[in-house]
Amino acid sequence: MTPLDETGAAADGEGGHEADALQDGPRGRRARIRTRGAPLPLLVPALVGVAFLTVPLVALLVRAPWRSLPGLLTSAQVWEALRLSLVCATAATAVSLVVGVPLAWLLARVEFPGRGLVRALVTLPLVLPPVVGGVALLMALGRNGIVGTWLDSSFGVTLPFTTAGVVVAEAFVAMPFLVISVEGTLRAADPRYEEAAATLGASRFTAFRRVTLPLIAPGIAAGAVLAWARALGEFGATITFAGNFPGRTQTMPLAVYLALQSDPEAAIALSLVLLAVSVAVLAGLRDRWMTAR
């Protein structure tokens, strides 16, 4: 082979690799990167993080009283707490849908002064300690609260320490999850479909109902599931605003807290139920997360 042939072959080889890389695109490059071993300074803390997050859950499964678990879970108190948790979480999710979807649309589609401040206030319960949220609800909706006084005197409605109070507390902490999910979906949706509906004579509400809602339905469903799961696991705001009364305000997290003081096995059994619900929620949202860009 002549030097020219060798040079040409080398050039062809390099060109072939470059062409393969261009054809592979980002996925091919990521695949080649993944085949390289992880550096030790990154691998060790990553494994520590995995252990930190998974060992407590494994310990819960190891210490679970599997033999007595059916008897613990069939007690009347457990079923009452589970029923109340499911009912209140579903009601709180319904409230979040009715109020949160229009709020998310307002934040995503309408320009108005102070929109950033409104968005910050809406997402504040995500980082606010739940107990502080419960105290704030008492100050607003309690019998002597700034709104609760008017509700009590005008309509005879008292929310604290009632089942309705549980729904209010859970909706307060869960609604931001729905709003964030729906607002993100709205921002990713193409507004030209709504504009096309408007040019055909549809009102803005009709365009929202007939065009926008079907487009953002997956985001609404994902946000509703997240809000429902957050409401189901709510503790701090519930016990502060609604108390811990069996059959009326005692949800599953409150029952776990109460059982831990007197019957640790029952507390573990109740925790396993909530763990199973959390795993089911993650499994239901996995496809949406895995396909998100």
Protein backbone atom coordinates (compact mmCIF):
# COMPACT_ATOMS: atom_id res chain seq x y z
CA MET A 1 0.00 0.00 0.00
CA THR A 2 1.39 3.43 -0.90
CA PRO A 3 1.68 6.29 1.65
CA LEU A 4 -1.09 8.02 -0.23
CA ASP A 5 -3.26 4.99 0.19
CA GLU A 6 -2.43 4.84 3.89
CA THR A 7 -3.24 8.50 4.32
CA GLY A 8 -6.44 8.09 2.39
CA ALA A 9 -7.39 5.04 4.41
CA ALA A 10 -6.70 6.90 7.63
CA ALA A 11 -8.74 9.82 6.43
CA ASP A 12 -11.53 7.53 5.42
CA GLY A 13 -11.40 5.86 8.82
CA GLU A 14 -11.55 9.17 10.66
CA GLY A 15 -14.29 10.36 8.38
CA GLY A 16 -16.20 7.16 9.02
CA HIS A 17 -15.94 7.62 12.78
CA GLU A 18 -17.07 11.24 12.46
CA ALA A 19 -19.96 10.17 10.25
CA ASP A 20 -20.92 7.50 12.78
CA ALA A 21 -20.78 10.07 15.56
CA LEU A 22 -22.97 12.44 13.57
CA GLN A 23 -25.43 9.68 12.81
CA ASP A 24 -25.50 8.54 16.41
CA GLY A 25 -26.34 12.01 17.62
CA PRO A 26 -26.62 12.86 21.34
CA ARG A 27 -27.89 9.41 22.24
CA GLY A 28 -24.82 7.74 20.74
CA ARG A 29 -22.48 10.12 22.54
CA ARG A 30 -24.29 9.54 25.84
CA ALA A 31 -24.08 5.79 25.33
CA ARG A 32 -20.32 5.99 24.79
CA ILE A 33 -19.93 8.18 27.88
CA ARG A 34 -21.89 5.71 29.99
CA THR A 35 -19.55 2.89 29.00
CA ARG A 36 -16.67 4.63 30.72
CA GLY A 37 -16.15 3.76 34.37
CA ALA A 38 -17.27 6.19 37.04
CA PRO A 39 -14.40 8.03 38.76
CA LEU A 40 -13.87 7.00 42.37
CA PRO A 41 -14.35 10.55 43.83
CA LEU A 42 -17.86 10.52 42.33
CA LEU A 43 -18.70 6.86 42.85
CA VAL A 44 -18.09 6.76 46.60
CA PRO A 45 -20.34 9.71 47.61
CA ALA A 46 -22.97 8.49 45.15
CA LEU A 47 -23.05 5.09 46.85
CA VAL A 48 -23.18 6.79 50.26
CA GLY A 49 -26.18 8.80 49.06
CA VAL A 50 -27.95 5.68 47.82
CA ALA A 51 -27.33 3.94 51.16
CA PHE A 52 -28.49 6.99 53.12
CA LEU A 53 -31.81 7.05 51.27
CA THR A 54 -32.49 3.31 51.05
CA VAL A 55 -31.21 1.84 54.34
CA PRO A 56 -34.05 3.36 56.44
CA LEU A 57 -36.63 1.90 54.05
CA VAL A 58 -34.91 -1.49 54.12
CA ALA A 59 -34.84 -1.33 57.93
CA LEU A 60 -38.59 -0.68 57.91
CA LEU A 61 -39.13 -3.79 55.81
CA VAL A 62 -36.76 -5.91 57.91
CA ARG A 63 -38.36 -4.89 61.21
CA ALA A 64 -41.91 -5.26 59.95
CA PRO A 65 -44.01 -7.76 61.95
CA TRP A 66 -44.96 -9.81 58.90
CA ARG A 67 -46.66 -12.59 60.88
CA SER A 68 -48.91 -10.28 62.83
CA LEU A 69 -49.31 -7.79 60.00
CA PRO A 70 -52.76 -9.00 58.83
CA GLY A 71 -54.18 -8.68 62.34
CA LEU A 72 -52.69 -5.22 62.80
CA LEU A 73 -54.03 -3.93 59.51
CA THR A 74 -57.54 -5.29 60.02
CA SER A 75 -58.21 -3.45 63.25
CA ALA A 76 -61.09 -0.97 63.25
CA GLN A 77 -58.85 1.94 64.18
CA VAL A 78 -56.52 1.35 61.24
CA TRP A 79 -59.35 1.08 58.73
CA GLU A 80 -61.00 4.20 60.13
CA ALA A 81 -57.75 6.15 59.79
CA LEU A 82 -57.17 4.76 56.29
CA ARG A 83 -60.71 5.59 55.19
CA LEU A 84 -60.44 9.11 56.55
CA SER A 85 -57.05 9.59 54.88
CA LEU A 86 -58.32 8.44 51.48
CA VAL A 87 -61.48 10.55 51.68
CA CYS A 88 -59.70 13.70 52.83
CA ALA A 89 -56.81 13.33 50.38
CA THR A 90 -59.26 12.86 47.50
CA ALA A 91 -61.33 15.86 48.60
CA ALA A 92 -58.19 17.99 48.96
CA THR A 93 -57.11 16.95 45.46
CA ALA A 94 -60.53 17.90 44.09
CA VAL A 95 -60.24 21.33 45.73
CA SER A 96 -56.75 21.70 44.28
CA LEU A 97 -58.01 20.82 40.80
CA VAL A 98 -60.93 23.26 40.90
CA VAL A 99 -58.79 26.14 42.15
CA GLY A 100 -55.27 25.18 41.09
CA VAL A 101 -55.78 24.56 37.36
CA PRO A 102 -57.23 28.06 36.70
CA LEU A 103 -54.47 29.51 38.88
CA ALA A 104 -51.80 27.69 36.88
CA TRP A 105 -53.36 28.94 33.63
CA LEU A 106 -53.37 32.49 34.97
CA LEU A 107 -49.67 32.29 35.88
CA ALA A 108 -48.70 30.72 32.56
CA ARG A 109 -50.84 32.65 30.08
CA VAL A 110 -51.65 36.08 31.51
CA GLU A 111 -49.19 38.92 32.01
CA PHE A 112 -50.06 41.07 35.01
CA PRO A 113 -48.15 43.20 37.51
CA GLY A 114 -46.77 41.21 40.42
CA ARG A 115 -47.02 37.83 38.71
CA GLY A 116 -43.64 36.80 40.11
CA LEU A 117 -44.77 37.66 43.63
CA VAL A 118 -47.99 35.69 43.19
CA ARG A 119 -46.03 32.69 41.93
CA ALA A 120 -43.71 32.92 44.93
CA LEU A 121 -46.65 33.05 47.35
CA VAL A 122 -48.32 30.10 45.62
CA THR A 123 -45.21 27.95 45.90
CA LEU A 124 -44.39 29.08 49.44
CA PRO A 125 -46.12 26.08 51.12
CA LEU A 126 -43.57 23.83 49.37
CA VAL A 127 -40.78 25.16 51.60
CA LEU A 128 -42.83 26.38 54.56
CA PRO A 129 -42.71 24.04 57.57
CA PRO A 130 -46.10 22.30 57.74
CA VAL A 131 -46.54 23.26 61.40
CA VAL A 132 -46.11 26.92 60.46
CA GLY A 133 -48.72 26.38 57.76
CA GLY A 134 -51.09 24.97 60.37
CA VAL A 135 -50.54 27.98 62.63
CA ALA A 136 -51.17 30.31 59.67
CA LEU A 137 -54.41 28.47 58.90
CA LEU A 138 -55.50 28.88 62.53
CA MET A 139 -54.79 32.61 62.37
CA ALA A 140 -56.80 32.90 59.14
CA LEU A 141 -59.60 30.33 59.48
CA GLY A 142 -59.76 29.67 63.21
CA ARG A 143 -62.74 30.75 65.24
CA ASN A 144 -60.91 33.96 66.10
CA GLY A 145 -59.07 34.21 62.76
CA ILE A 146 -59.38 37.08 60.36
CA VAL A 147 -61.66 35.03 58.06
CA GLY A 148 -62.84 32.39 60.53
CA THR A 149 -64.61 34.94 62.70
CA TRP A 150 -66.74 36.02 59.76
CA LEU A 151 -67.44 32.40 58.74
CA ASP A 152 -68.54 31.57 62.27
CA SER A 153 -70.72 34.62 62.80
CA SER A 154 -72.30 34.71 59.35
CA PHE A 155 -72.65 31.05 58.42
CA GLY A 156 -71.92 29.13 61.63
CA VAL A 157 -69.00 27.38 59.92
CA THR A 158 -66.11 26.27 62.11
CA LEU A 159 -63.22 24.57 60.34
CA PRO A 160 -60.57 23.81 62.99
CA PHE A 161 -60.69 20.33 64.57
CA THR A 162 -63.17 19.04 62.00
CA THR A 163 -62.91 16.73 58.99
CA ALA A 164 -63.37 19.73 56.74
CA GLY A 165 -60.39 21.28 58.50
CA VAL A 166 -58.31 18.23 57.52
CA VAL A 167 -59.27 18.78 53.88
CA VAL A 168 -58.34 22.47 54.10
CA ALA A 169 -54.96 21.72 55.71
CA GLU A 170 -54.13 19.05 53.15
CA ALA A 171 -55.20 21.22 50.22
CA PHE A 172 -53.03 24.06 51.53
CA VAL A 173 -49.84 21.98 51.41
CA ALA A 174 -50.73 19.89 48.32
CA MET A 175 -52.04 22.46 45.85
CA PRO A 176 -48.60 23.92 44.96
CA PHE A 177 -47.55 20.54 43.52
CA LEU A 178 -50.52 20.65 41.15
CA VAL A 179 -50.00 24.29 40.21
CA ILE A 180 -46.31 23.78 39.39
CA SER A 181 -47.00 20.71 37.29
CA VAL A 182 -49.85 22.27 35.32
CA GLU A 183 -48.05 25.59 34.83
CA GLY A 184 -45.01 23.79 33.45
CA THR A 185 -47.19 21.81 31.08
CA LEU A 186 -48.96 24.98 29.94
CA ARG A 187 -45.66 26.73 29.23
CA ALA A 188 -44.51 23.74 27.18
CA ALA A 189 -47.79 23.55 25.22
CA ASP A 190 -47.98 25.33 21.88
CA PRO A 191 -50.26 28.40 22.27
CA ARG A 192 -50.94 28.49 18.54
CA TYR A 193 -53.74 25.95 18.94
CA GLU A 194 -55.55 28.33 21.28
CA GLU A 195 -54.92 31.21 18.88
CA ALA A 196 -56.34 29.16 16.03
CA ALA A 197 -59.46 28.42 18.06
CA ALA A 198 -59.83 32.14 18.80
CA THR A 199 -59.60 33.00 15.09
CA LEU A 200 -62.43 30.54 14.45
CA GLY A 201 -64.65 32.46 16.84
CA ALA A 202 -64.19 30.51 20.08
CA SER A 203 -64.18 32.50 23.29
CA ARG A 204 -61.16 32.26 25.54
CA PHE A 205 -62.97 30.00 27.97
CA THR A 206 -64.21 27.76 25.16
CA ALA A 207 -60.67 27.51 23.80
CA PHE A 208 -59.45 26.62 27.27
CA ARG A 209 -62.14 23.97 27.72
CA ARG A 210 -62.04 22.44 24.23
CA VAL A 211 -58.37 22.90 23.25
CA THR A 212 -56.12 23.63 26.21
CA LEU A 213 -57.48 21.09 28.67
CA PRO A 214 -57.04 18.10 26.33
CA LEU A 215 -53.49 19.27 25.56
CA ILE A 216 -52.44 19.54 29.20
CA ALA A 217 -54.40 16.55 30.49
CA PRO A 218 -51.23 14.49 31.21
CA GLY A 219 -49.77 17.35 33.25
CA ILE A 220 -53.01 17.75 35.17
CA ALA A 221 -53.11 14.02 35.90
CA ALA A 222 -49.49 13.99 37.09
CA GLY A 223 -50.04 17.05 39.27
CA ALA A 224 -53.22 15.57 40.72
CA VAL A 225 -51.43 12.35 41.65
CA LEU A 226 -48.60 14.28 43.30
CA ALA A 227 -51.06 16.47 45.18
CA TRP A 228 -53.03 13.42 46.31
CA ALA A 229 -49.90 11.67 47.57
CA ARG A 230 -48.75 14.82 49.39
CA ALA A 231 -52.17 15.24 50.98
CA LEU A 232 -52.21 11.61 52.06
CA GLY A 233 -48.91 12.00 53.87
CA GLU A 234 -49.58 15.39 55.45
CA PHE A 235 -48.94 15.57 59.21
CA GLY A 236 -47.81 18.93 60.60
CA ALA A 237 -50.50 21.25 59.25
CA THR A 238 -53.21 18.66 59.93
CA ILE A 239 -52.39 18.06 63.58
CA THR A 240 -51.96 21.81 64.18
CA PHE A 241 -55.11 22.98 62.45
CA ALA A 242 -57.44 19.95 62.80
CA GLY A 243 -56.10 18.08 65.82
CA ASN A 244 -55.89 14.32 66.31
CA PHE A 245 -59.36 12.95 67.02
CA PRO A 246 -59.99 9.29 66.05
CA GLY A 247 -62.72 8.93 63.46
CA ARG A 248 -62.88 12.65 62.77
CA THR A 249 -59.41 14.09 62.11
CA GLN A 250 -56.98 11.23 62.76
CA THR A 251 -55.44 10.37 59.39
CA MET A 252 -52.84 7.67 58.74
CA PRO A 253 -49.74 9.79 59.52
CA LEU A 254 -51.33 10.90 62.79
CA ALA A 255 -52.21 7.30 63.60
CA VAL A 256 -48.58 6.31 62.97
CA TYR A 257 -47.39 9.01 65.35
CA LEU A 258 -49.85 7.95 68.05
CA ALA A 259 -49.13 4.22 67.64
CA LEU A 260 -45.38 4.77 67.83
CA GLN A 261 -45.74 5.87 71.44
CA SER A 262 -47.66 2.80 72.59
CA ASP A 263 -47.46 0.07 69.92
CA PRO A 264 -44.36 0.24 67.67
CA GLU A 265 -45.44 -2.81 65.64
CA ALA A 266 -48.71 -1.11 64.73
CA ALA A 267 -46.76 2.03 63.78
CA ILE A 268 -44.55 -0.03 61.46
CA ALA A 269 -47.59 -1.69 59.89
CA LEU A 270 -49.22 1.68 59.21
CA SER A 271 -45.94 3.00 57.82
CA LEU A 272 -45.81 0.08 55.40
CA VAL A 273 -49.24 1.04 54.07
CA LEU A 274 -48.08 4.59 53.39
CA LEU A 275 -44.85 3.25 51.86
CA ALA A 276 -46.85 1.05 49.50
CA VAL A 277 -48.96 4.03 48.45
CA SER A 278 -45.84 6.10 47.78
CA VAL A 279 -44.33 3.33 45.65
CA ALA A 280 -47.58 3.06 43.70
CA VAL A 281 -47.53 6.81 43.03
CA LEU A 282 -43.93 6.67 41.80
CA ALA A 283 -44.75 3.73 39.56
CA GLY A 284 -47.73 5.59 38.12
CA LEU A 285 -45.65 8.67 37.33
CA ARG A 286 -42.58 6.81 36.08
CA ASP A 287 -43.57 6.89 32.41
CA ARG A 288 -44.18 10.64 32.52
CA TRP A 289 -40.83 11.33 34.21
CA MET A 290 -38.91 8.97 31.94
CA THR A 291 -40.35 10.56 28.79
CA ALA A 292 -39.95 14.16 29.98
CA ARG A 293 -37.49 16.20 27.94
